[in-house]
Amino acid sequence: MTTLPELGIEVARLRKELGLTQLELAKRVNLGQSTLARFETGAVAEFGAAKLLRILGALNYQMDFTSVGARPTLDSMLSERMLGK
C-alpha cells in the first residue's frame, strides 16, 4: 500500500473480515461513521496518524515500516545501459 485510498480500502476489507459495520468500528475508536466511510472510500485528502492507529488497534493490527529500497533514477538507468550492465 502506498496511497491513502489504498490504506482505506484495506481497512474496509479488514473491518468486514471481522464482521464489523462502519458504525461499530467508528464507535470503538471514537470517530464519526461518516469520517470512517470517507476514509475507507478514499474521499479524504489527509487522515491523522492517531486516528489510523486507533483503527488499526481496534482491528488487531499495527503499523510497521518496510523499506522499499532505493528507486533508480533516469540518469542511473541510462548510465547502466551505456555501461552494458
N, C-alpha and C. Protein backbone atom coordinates (compact mmCIF):
# COMPACT_ATOMS: atom_id res chain seq x y z
N MET A 1 0.84 -1.18 0.00
CA MET A 1 0.00 0.00 0.00
C MET A 1 0.88 1.24 0.00
N THR A 2 0.60 2.11 -0.90
CA THR A 2 1.41 3.32 -0.97
C THR A 2 0.59 4.59 -0.95
N THR A 3 -0.73 4.48 -1.00
CA THR A 3 -1.56 5.68 -1.01
C THR A 3 -2.61 5.60 0.09
N LEU A 4 -3.13 6.75 0.46
CA LEU A 4 -4.17 6.81 1.47
C LEU A 4 -5.43 6.06 1.02
N PRO A 5 -5.87 6.20 -0.23
CA PRO A 5 -7.04 5.42 -0.66
C PRO A 5 -6.81 3.91 -0.55
N GLU A 6 -5.61 3.44 -0.88
CA GLU A 6 -5.32 2.00 -0.75
C GLU A 6 -5.40 1.56 0.71
N LEU A 7 -4.93 2.41 1.60
CA LEU A 7 -4.98 2.10 3.02
C LEU A 7 -6.44 2.03 3.49
N GLY A 8 -7.25 2.95 3.03
CA GLY A 8 -8.67 2.94 3.38
C GLY A 8 -9.37 1.69 2.90
N ILE A 9 -9.06 1.26 1.68
CA ILE A 9 -9.65 0.03 1.13
C ILE A 9 -9.25 -1.17 1.97
N GLU A 10 -8.00 -1.21 2.40
CA GLU A 10 -7.53 -2.33 3.22
C GLU A 10 -8.20 -2.33 4.59
N VAL A 11 -8.39 -1.16 5.17
CA VAL A 11 -9.09 -1.07 6.45
C VAL A 11 -10.52 -1.59 6.29
N ALA A 12 -11.18 -1.21 5.21
CA ALA A 12 -12.55 -1.69 4.97
C ALA A 12 -12.57 -3.21 4.85
N ARG A 13 -11.59 -3.77 4.16
CA ARG A 13 -11.53 -5.23 4.00
C ARG A 13 -11.35 -5.91 5.35
N LEU A 14 -10.44 -5.39 6.16
CA LEU A 14 -10.19 -5.98 7.48
C LEU A 14 -11.42 -5.86 8.38
N ARG A 15 -12.08 -4.71 8.33
CA ARG A 15 -13.28 -4.50 9.13
C ARG A 15 -14.36 -5.51 8.77
N LYS A 16 -14.56 -5.70 7.47
CA LYS A 16 -15.57 -6.65 7.00
C LYS A 16 -15.21 -8.08 7.39
N GLU A 17 -13.91 -8.41 7.32
CA GLU A 17 -13.45 -9.74 7.74
C GLU A 17 -13.83 -10.04 9.18
N LEU A 18 -13.80 -9.01 10.01
CA LEU A 18 -14.16 -9.17 11.42
C LEU A 18 -15.66 -9.08 11.66
N GLY A 19 -16.41 -8.83 10.60
CA GLY A 19 -17.87 -8.76 10.72
C GLY A 19 -18.36 -7.49 11.39
N LEU A 20 -17.58 -6.43 11.30
CA LEU A 20 -17.96 -5.15 11.91
C LEU A 20 -18.57 -4.22 10.88
N THR A 21 -19.55 -3.46 11.29
CA THR A 21 -20.08 -2.40 10.44
C THR A 21 -19.21 -1.16 10.63
N GLN A 22 -19.36 -0.21 9.74
CA GLN A 22 -18.64 1.05 9.90
C GLN A 22 -19.01 1.71 11.22
N LEU A 23 -20.29 1.67 11.56
CA LEU A 23 -20.75 2.31 12.79
C LEU A 23 -20.13 1.65 14.01
N GLU A 24 -20.07 0.33 14.03
CA GLU A 24 -19.48 -0.39 15.16
C GLU A 24 -18.00 -0.03 15.34
N LEU A 25 -17.26 -0.05 14.24
CA LEU A 25 -15.84 0.29 14.33
C LEU A 25 -15.65 1.75 14.72
N ALA A 26 -16.44 2.63 14.12
CA ALA A 26 -16.33 4.06 14.42
C ALA A 26 -16.57 4.32 15.91
N LYS A 27 -17.56 3.66 16.49
CA LYS A 27 -17.84 3.85 17.92
C LYS A 27 -16.67 3.35 18.76
N ARG A 28 -16.07 2.23 18.37
CA ARG A 28 -14.94 1.67 19.14
C ARG A 28 -13.74 2.61 19.19
N VAL A 29 -13.58 3.39 18.13
CA VAL A 29 -12.39 4.26 18.05
C VAL A 29 -12.73 5.75 18.19
N ASN A 30 -13.98 6.03 18.60
CA ASN A 30 -14.41 7.40 18.85
C ASN A 30 -14.30 8.29 17.61
N LEU A 31 -14.81 7.78 16.50
CA LEU A 31 -14.89 8.53 15.25
C LEU A 31 -16.34 8.57 14.80
N GLY A 32 -16.65 9.53 13.97
CA GLY A 32 -17.96 9.53 13.34
C GLY A 32 -17.99 8.49 12.22
N GLN A 33 -19.13 7.88 12.02
CA GLN A 33 -19.27 6.87 10.96
C GLN A 33 -18.96 7.48 9.60
N SER A 34 -19.36 8.73 9.39
CA SER A 34 -19.12 9.37 8.09
C SER A 34 -17.62 9.60 7.87
N THR A 35 -16.88 9.88 8.93
CA THR A 35 -15.42 10.05 8.81
C THR A 35 -14.78 8.74 8.37
N LEU A 36 -15.19 7.64 9.01
CA LEU A 36 -14.66 6.33 8.64
C LEU A 36 -15.05 5.98 7.21
N ALA A 37 -16.28 6.27 6.83
CA ALA A 37 -16.74 5.98 5.47
C ALA A 37 -15.91 6.73 4.44
N ARG A 38 -15.65 8.01 4.69
CA ARG A 38 -14.84 8.80 3.75
C ARG A 38 -13.42 8.26 3.65
N PHE A 39 -12.86 7.82 4.79
CA PHE A 39 -11.52 7.25 4.78
C PHE A 39 -11.50 5.96 3.97
N GLU A 40 -12.46 5.07 4.21
CA GLU A 40 -12.49 3.78 3.52
C GLU A 40 -12.70 3.92 2.01
N THR A 41 -13.35 4.98 1.59
CA THR A 41 -13.61 5.16 0.16
C THR A 41 -12.62 6.09 -0.51
N GLY A 42 -11.62 6.54 0.23
CA GLY A 42 -10.59 7.40 -0.36
C GLY A 42 -11.03 8.82 -0.58
N ALA A 43 -12.08 9.25 0.11
CA ALA A 43 -12.61 10.59 -0.08
C ALA A 43 -11.99 11.62 0.86
N VAL A 44 -10.84 11.28 1.47
CA VAL A 44 -10.15 12.23 2.34
C VAL A 44 -8.76 12.51 1.77
N ALA A 45 -8.34 13.76 1.88
CA ALA A 45 -7.00 14.11 1.40
C ALA A 45 -5.96 13.87 2.49
N GLU A 46 -6.38 13.93 3.74
CA GLU A 46 -5.49 13.74 4.89
C GLU A 46 -6.23 12.88 5.91
N PHE A 47 -5.47 12.13 6.70
CA PHE A 47 -6.07 11.35 7.78
C PHE A 47 -5.03 11.25 8.88
N GLY A 48 -5.37 11.69 10.06
CA GLY A 48 -4.43 11.76 11.17
C GLY A 48 -3.88 10.41 11.60
N ALA A 49 -2.61 10.42 11.99
CA ALA A 49 -1.94 9.20 12.44
C ALA A 49 -2.61 8.62 13.67
N ALA A 50 -3.04 9.48 14.60
CA ALA A 50 -3.68 8.98 15.83
C ALA A 50 -4.97 8.24 15.50
N LYS A 51 -5.75 8.77 14.56
CA LYS A 51 -6.99 8.09 14.14
C LYS A 51 -6.66 6.74 13.52
N LEU A 52 -5.68 6.73 12.64
CA LEU A 52 -5.30 5.50 11.97
C LEU A 52 -4.82 4.45 12.97
N LEU A 53 -4.01 4.86 13.93
CA LEU A 53 -3.51 3.92 14.93
C LEU A 53 -4.65 3.35 15.78
N ARG A 54 -5.65 4.18 16.11
CA ARG A 54 -6.80 3.68 16.87
C ARG A 54 -7.58 2.65 16.05
N ILE A 55 -7.76 2.94 14.77
CA ILE A 55 -8.48 2.00 13.90
C ILE A 55 -7.73 0.69 13.80
N LEU A 56 -6.44 0.77 13.52
CA LEU A 56 -5.64 -0.46 13.39
C LEU A 56 -5.66 -1.26 14.69
N GLY A 57 -5.56 -0.59 15.83
CA GLY A 57 -5.61 -1.28 17.11
C GLY A 57 -6.93 -2.00 17.31
N ALA A 58 -8.03 -1.37 16.94
CA ALA A 58 -9.35 -1.99 17.08
C ALA A 58 -9.50 -3.20 16.16
N LEU A 59 -8.74 -3.20 15.07
CA LEU A 59 -8.78 -4.33 14.13
C LEU A 59 -7.70 -5.37 14.45
N ASN A 60 -6.99 -5.16 15.56
CA ASN A 60 -5.90 -6.05 16.00
C ASN A 60 -4.73 -6.06 15.02
N TYR A 61 -4.41 -4.89 14.49
CA TYR A 61 -3.27 -4.71 13.60
C TYR A 61 -2.41 -3.59 14.14
N GLN A 62 -1.18 -3.54 13.66
CA GLN A 62 -0.29 -2.43 13.99
C GLN A 62 0.39 -1.96 12.72
N MET A 63 0.94 -0.76 12.77
CA MET A 63 1.63 -0.22 11.61
C MET A 63 3.11 -0.59 11.70
N ASP A 64 3.65 -1.10 10.62
CA ASP A 64 5.07 -1.42 10.53
C ASP A 64 5.66 -0.68 9.34
N PHE A 65 6.95 -0.45 9.40
CA PHE A 65 7.64 0.21 8.30
C PHE A 65 8.48 -0.81 7.55
N THR A 66 8.38 -0.81 6.24
CA THR A 66 9.14 -1.71 5.40
C THR A 66 9.87 -0.89 4.35
N SER A 67 11.14 -1.13 4.22
CA SER A 67 11.92 -0.41 3.22
C SER A 67 11.52 -0.88 1.83
N VAL A 68 11.34 0.07 0.96
CA VAL A 68 11.03 -0.27 -0.43
C VAL A 68 12.28 -0.18 -1.29
N GLY A 69 13.41 0.15 -0.66
CA GLY A 69 14.67 0.22 -1.39
C GLY A 69 14.77 1.48 -2.21
N ALA A 70 15.96 1.72 -2.67
CA ALA A 70 16.21 2.90 -3.49
C ALA A 70 15.64 2.68 -4.88
N ARG A 71 14.97 3.66 -5.36
CA ARG A 71 14.42 3.58 -6.71
C ARG A 71 15.43 4.18 -7.68
N PRO A 72 15.62 3.54 -8.81
CA PRO A 72 16.60 4.07 -9.76
C PRO A 72 16.12 5.38 -10.39
N THR A 73 17.06 6.24 -10.65
CA THR A 73 16.75 7.48 -11.36
C THR A 73 16.95 7.24 -12.85
N LEU A 74 16.45 8.12 -13.66
CA LEU A 74 16.63 8.00 -15.10
C LEU A 74 18.12 8.04 -15.44
N ASP A 75 18.85 8.93 -14.77
CA ASP A 75 20.30 9.02 -15.02
C ASP A 75 21.01 7.71 -14.70
N SER A 76 20.66 7.10 -13.56
CA SER A 76 21.34 5.85 -13.19
C SER A 76 20.98 4.72 -14.15
N MET A 77 19.75 4.70 -14.64
CA MET A 77 19.35 3.66 -15.60
C MET A 77 20.07 3.85 -16.92
N LEU A 78 20.19 5.10 -17.37
CA LEU A 78 20.90 5.37 -18.62
C LEU A 78 22.38 5.03 -18.50
N SER A 79 22.97 5.36 -17.35
CA SER A 79 24.39 5.03 -17.12
C SER A 79 24.61 3.53 -17.17
N GLU A 80 23.73 2.78 -16.50
CA GLU A 80 23.86 1.32 -16.51
C GLU A 80 23.73 0.77 -17.92
N ARG A 81 22.81 1.33 -18.68
CA ARG A 81 22.59 0.86 -20.05
C ARG A 81 23.81 1.14 -20.92
N MET A 82 24.39 2.33 -20.72
CA MET A 82 25.56 2.69 -21.52
C MET A 82 26.77 1.83 -21.16
N LEU A 83 26.85 1.41 -19.90
CA LEU A 83 27.96 0.57 -19.45
C LEU A 83 27.69 -0.91 -19.73
N GLY A 84 26.51 -1.21 -20.22
CA GLY A 84 26.17 -2.59 -20.57
C GLY A 84 25.83 -3.47 -19.39
N LYS A 85 25.37 -2.89 -18.30
CA LYS A 85 25.02 -3.69 -17.12
C LYS A 85 23.63 -4.24 -17.23
